Amino acid sequence: MIRVLLADDQEMVRTGFRLILSAEDGMEVVGEAGTGVTAVELARRLKPDVVLMDIRMPDLDGLAATKALTADPEPPRVVVVTTFDLDEYVYGALRAGACGFLLKDAGPRLLVEAVRAASNGDALVSPSVTVRLLEHLASKPKARPAATGTLSPRELDVVRAVARGRTNSEIAAELFVSLSTVKTHLTNVHSKLTTRNRVEIAAWAWENGLVQD
């Protein structure tokens, strides 16, 4: 059972999310918060697997609340859900440790997929956000050396596939390897690149020109 905490200052939004997630097998909404401070308090007390976090909330905004939670010894997985797709929010959410970023108009299917991905240790970003985010990263000067030599050829293949939005199963099929082998490669990549999730792997790949349009 995936235990979810909803954090949004609009009761109507929380109600809609609750109805969508409660209708899914294996998901349970364990609490709701209308402010950032309450979200942090409830998350630490209820220990949800995933927190759906709005950005603009009273007392403490969602980015600050996310940063506080992801700094905990056993942090929940945080997916930022917002009506605002401004680049500063995307970058802020990822820097704060969020493992996903969704717009509220992304639809029920993507909401459910984002929760499942977060619970599984993956990350999902709204497609419209992903395109702009990766285009921006690809056009930026390299923030750090590519250091591709630290990755094996197969690990680089996995990185490129992640940057194109492939799931672990799709990567396994494309590379003709087992799912467990893909997971092992990803673990090694995270260790070598000091990335926390798939979004950061994708960002690293695009920043360093490993993915061609």
Protein backbone atom coordinates (compact mmCIF):
# COMPACT_ATOMS: atom_id res chain seq x y z
CA MET A 1 0.00 0.00 0.00
CA ILE A 2 1.38 3.41 -1.04
CA ARG A 3 0.63 5.92 1.71
CA VAL A 4 0.13 9.47 0.42
CA LEU A 5 -0.05 12.86 2.16
CA LEU A 6 -1.78 15.73 0.33
CA ALA A 7 -0.45 19.25 0.90
CA ASP A 8 -2.41 22.05 -0.79
CA ASP A 9 -4.05 25.20 0.55
CA GLN A 10 -7.19 24.61 -1.54
CA GLU A 11 -9.60 22.10 -0.04
CA MET A 12 -11.22 21.47 -3.42
CA VAL A 13 -7.87 20.42 -4.91
CA ARG A 14 -7.17 18.09 -1.98
CA THR A 15 -10.62 16.56 -2.33
CA GLY A 16 -10.08 15.94 -6.04
CA PHE A 17 -6.69 14.33 -5.47
CA ARG A 18 -8.12 12.18 -2.67
CA LEU A 19 -10.91 10.90 -4.92
CA ILE A 20 -8.49 10.08 -7.74
CA LEU A 21 -5.92 8.31 -5.57
CA SER A 22 -8.41 6.51 -3.32
CA ALA A 23 -9.95 4.91 -6.40
CA GLU A 24 -6.60 3.27 -7.22
CA ASP A 25 -5.67 -0.16 -5.94
CA GLY A 26 -2.76 -0.05 -3.53
CA MET A 27 -3.01 3.65 -2.66
CA GLU A 28 -4.19 5.28 0.56
CA VAL A 29 -4.43 8.97 1.43
CA VAL A 30 -3.32 9.12 5.07
CA GLY A 31 -3.57 12.87 5.67
CA GLU A 32 -4.16 16.35 4.33
CA ALA A 33 -2.42 19.65 5.05
CA GLY A 34 -3.44 23.18 4.12
CA THR A 35 -0.17 24.89 5.03
CA GLY A 36 3.53 24.13 4.60
CA VAL A 37 4.11 23.94 8.35
CA THR A 38 1.26 21.45 8.78
CA ALA A 39 2.58 19.41 5.84
CA VAL A 40 5.99 19.03 7.49
CA GLU A 41 4.45 18.18 10.88
CA LEU A 42 2.05 15.60 9.43
CA ALA A 43 4.69 14.03 7.20
CA ARG A 44 7.02 13.54 10.15
CA ARG A 45 4.23 12.08 12.28
CA LEU A 46 2.39 9.94 9.70
CA LYS A 47 5.46 8.77 7.75
CA PRO A 48 3.81 8.69 4.29
CA ASP A 49 5.63 7.13 1.35
CA VAL A 50 4.81 10.04 -0.94
CA VAL A 51 3.89 13.69 -0.34
CA LEU A 52 2.05 15.65 -3.05
CA MET A 53 3.24 19.18 -2.34
CA ASP A 54 1.76 22.45 -3.61
CA ILE A 55 4.22 25.34 -3.99
CA ARG A 56 2.23 28.38 -2.91
CA MET A 57 0.98 27.74 0.62
CA PRO A 58 0.63 29.83 3.80
CA ASP A 59 3.20 29.81 6.63
CA LEU A 60 5.83 27.90 4.67
CA ASP A 61 5.93 27.53 0.89
CA GLY A 62 6.13 24.13 -0.73
CA LEU A 63 9.77 24.46 -1.77
CA ALA A 64 10.87 25.21 1.80
CA ALA A 65 8.67 22.40 3.13
CA THR A 66 10.15 20.01 0.57
CA LYS A 67 13.69 20.99 1.53
CA ALA A 68 12.89 20.44 5.22
CA LEU A 69 11.40 16.98 4.60
CA THR A 70 14.08 15.72 2.22
CA ALA A 71 16.71 16.61 4.82
CA ASP A 72 15.16 14.19 7.32
CA PRO A 73 16.96 10.88 8.03
CA GLU A 74 14.13 8.86 6.42
CA PRO A 75 12.50 11.35 4.03
CA PRO A 76 9.29 10.76 2.10
CA ARG A 77 9.31 11.03 -1.67
CA VAL A 78 8.01 14.49 -2.60
CA VAL A 79 6.19 15.27 -5.83
CA VAL A 80 5.56 18.98 -6.37
CA VAL A 81 2.14 19.67 -7.90
CA THR A 82 1.34 23.24 -8.95
CA THR A 83 -0.64 25.42 -11.34
CA PHE A 84 2.55 27.37 -12.05
CA ASP A 85 5.09 26.05 -14.56
CA LEU A 86 7.62 28.85 -14.16
CA ASP A 87 11.17 27.62 -14.65
CA GLU A 88 12.26 28.97 -11.28
CA TYR A 89 9.78 26.66 -9.57
CA VAL A 90 10.98 23.61 -11.48
CA TYR A 91 14.62 24.26 -10.65
CA GLY A 92 13.73 25.18 -7.08
CA ALA A 93 11.75 21.99 -6.59
CA LEU A 94 14.52 19.77 -7.93
CA ARG A 95 17.16 21.58 -5.89
CA ALA A 96 14.98 21.14 -2.80
CA GLY A 97 15.00 17.39 -3.35
CA ALA A 98 11.65 16.76 -5.07
CA CYS A 99 11.52 13.63 -7.19
CA GLY A 100 8.75 14.82 -9.49
CA PHE A 101 7.06 17.97 -10.78
CA LEU A 102 3.50 17.99 -12.11
CA LEU A 103 1.13 20.69 -13.27
CA LYS A 104 -2.33 20.42 -11.77
CA ASP A 105 -3.85 20.19 -15.26
CA ALA A 106 -1.68 17.17 -16.14
CA GLY A 107 -4.68 14.89 -15.56
CA PRO A 108 -5.52 11.95 -13.27
CA ARG A 109 -3.41 9.40 -15.14
CA LEU A 110 -0.17 11.36 -14.77
CA LEU A 111 -0.98 12.10 -11.13
CA VAL A 112 -1.30 8.40 -10.38
CA GLU A 113 1.81 7.58 -12.43
CA ALA A 114 3.80 10.23 -10.55
CA VAL A 115 2.82 8.74 -7.18
CA ARG A 116 3.71 5.23 -8.32
CA ALA A 117 7.01 6.38 -9.83
CA ALA A 118 7.95 8.24 -6.65
CA SER A 119 7.09 5.22 -4.53
CA ASN A 120 9.29 3.04 -6.74
CA GLY A 121 12.22 5.42 -6.43
CA ASP A 122 11.76 6.93 -9.89
CA ALA A 123 10.78 10.42 -10.94
CA LEU A 124 8.15 11.84 -13.24
CA VAL A 125 7.91 15.37 -14.56
CA SER A 126 4.98 16.72 -16.57
CA PRO A 127 5.85 16.30 -20.28
CA SER A 128 5.36 20.01 -21.04
CA VAL A 129 7.70 20.89 -18.19
CA THR A 130 10.25 18.27 -19.20
CA VAL A 131 10.59 19.63 -22.73
CA ARG A 132 11.25 23.18 -21.56
CA LEU A 133 13.48 22.06 -18.71
CA LEU A 134 15.68 19.90 -20.91
CA GLU A 135 15.81 22.47 -23.71
CA HIS A 136 16.97 25.02 -21.17
CA LEU A 137 19.61 22.69 -19.76
CA ALA A 138 20.85 21.78 -23.23
CA SER A 139 21.35 25.45 -24.10
CA LYS A 140 23.20 26.32 -20.89
CA PRO A 141 26.98 26.32 -20.63
CA LYS A 142 28.19 23.15 -18.96
CA ALA A 143 27.98 23.58 -15.20
CA ARG A 144 30.63 20.93 -14.64
CA PRO A 145 32.88 18.65 -16.71
CA ALA A 146 31.05 15.83 -18.40
CA ALA A 147 33.21 13.22 -16.67
CA THR A 148 31.76 10.60 -19.00
CA GLY A 149 34.95 8.60 -18.63
CA THR A 150 33.83 7.60 -15.16
CA LEU A 151 30.84 5.77 -16.66
CA SER A 152 31.09 2.53 -18.55
CA PRO A 153 29.71 2.38 -22.13
CA ARG A 154 26.68 0.45 -20.89
CA GLU A 155 26.07 2.94 -18.08
CA LEU A 156 26.15 5.73 -20.68
CA ASP A 157 23.56 3.83 -22.72
CA VAL A 158 21.34 3.69 -19.64
CA VAL A 159 21.84 7.40 -18.95
CA ARG A 160 20.84 8.32 -22.51
CA ALA A 161 17.73 6.14 -22.24
CA VAL A 162 16.74 7.75 -18.93
CA ALA A 163 17.20 11.19 -20.49
CA ARG A 164 14.75 10.19 -23.22
CA GLY A 165 12.15 9.27 -20.59
CA ARG A 166 12.41 5.48 -20.86
CA THR A 167 11.25 3.33 -17.95
CA ASN A 168 13.45 0.60 -16.49
CA SER A 169 11.48 -2.06 -18.36
CA GLU A 170 11.82 -0.20 -21.66
CA ILE A 171 15.56 0.23 -21.09
CA ALA A 172 15.93 -3.48 -20.39
CA ALA A 173 14.12 -4.34 -23.62
CA GLU A 174 16.12 -1.85 -25.71
CA LEU A 175 19.49 -2.98 -24.35
CA PHE A 176 18.61 -6.70 -24.22
CA VAL A 177 19.48 -6.98 -20.53
CA SER A 178 17.53 -7.96 -17.43
CA LEU A 179 15.58 -5.53 -15.29
CA SER A 180 17.90 -6.21 -12.36
CA THR A 181 20.90 -5.33 -14.55
CA VAL A 182 19.31 -1.98 -15.42
CA LYS A 183 18.73 -1.28 -11.73
CA THR A 184 22.35 -2.15 -10.95
CA HIS A 185 23.56 0.22 -13.67
CA LEU A 186 21.33 2.99 -12.29
CA THR A 187 22.67 2.46 -8.79
CA ASN A 188 26.21 2.78 -10.13
CA VAL A 189 25.31 5.90 -12.12
CA HIS A 190 23.74 7.57 -9.08
CA SER A 191 26.88 6.82 -7.07
CA LYS A 192 29.30 8.08 -9.74
CA LEU A 193 27.34 11.24 -10.62
CA THR A 194 26.02 11.91 -7.10
CA THR A 195 22.50 12.21 -8.50
CA ARG A 196 19.42 11.59 -6.37
CA ASN A 197 16.87 10.59 -8.97
CA ARG A 198 16.15 10.07 -12.66
CA VAL A 199 15.41 13.73 -13.28
CA GLU A 200 18.92 14.66 -12.18
CA ILE A 201 20.39 11.92 -14.40
CA ALA A 202 18.41 13.30 -17.35
CA ALA A 203 19.48 16.85 -16.54
CA TRP A 204 23.13 15.77 -16.36
CA ALA A 205 22.86 14.01 -19.73
CA TRP A 206 21.31 17.02 -21.44
CA GLU A 207 23.67 19.48 -19.77
CA ASN A 208 26.62 17.55 -21.15
CA GLY A 209 25.29 17.01 -24.67
CA LEU A 210 24.83 13.24 -24.39
CA VAL A 211 21.36 13.36 -25.91
CA GLN A 212 20.64 14.60 -29.41
CA ASP A 213 17.24 15.93 -30.45
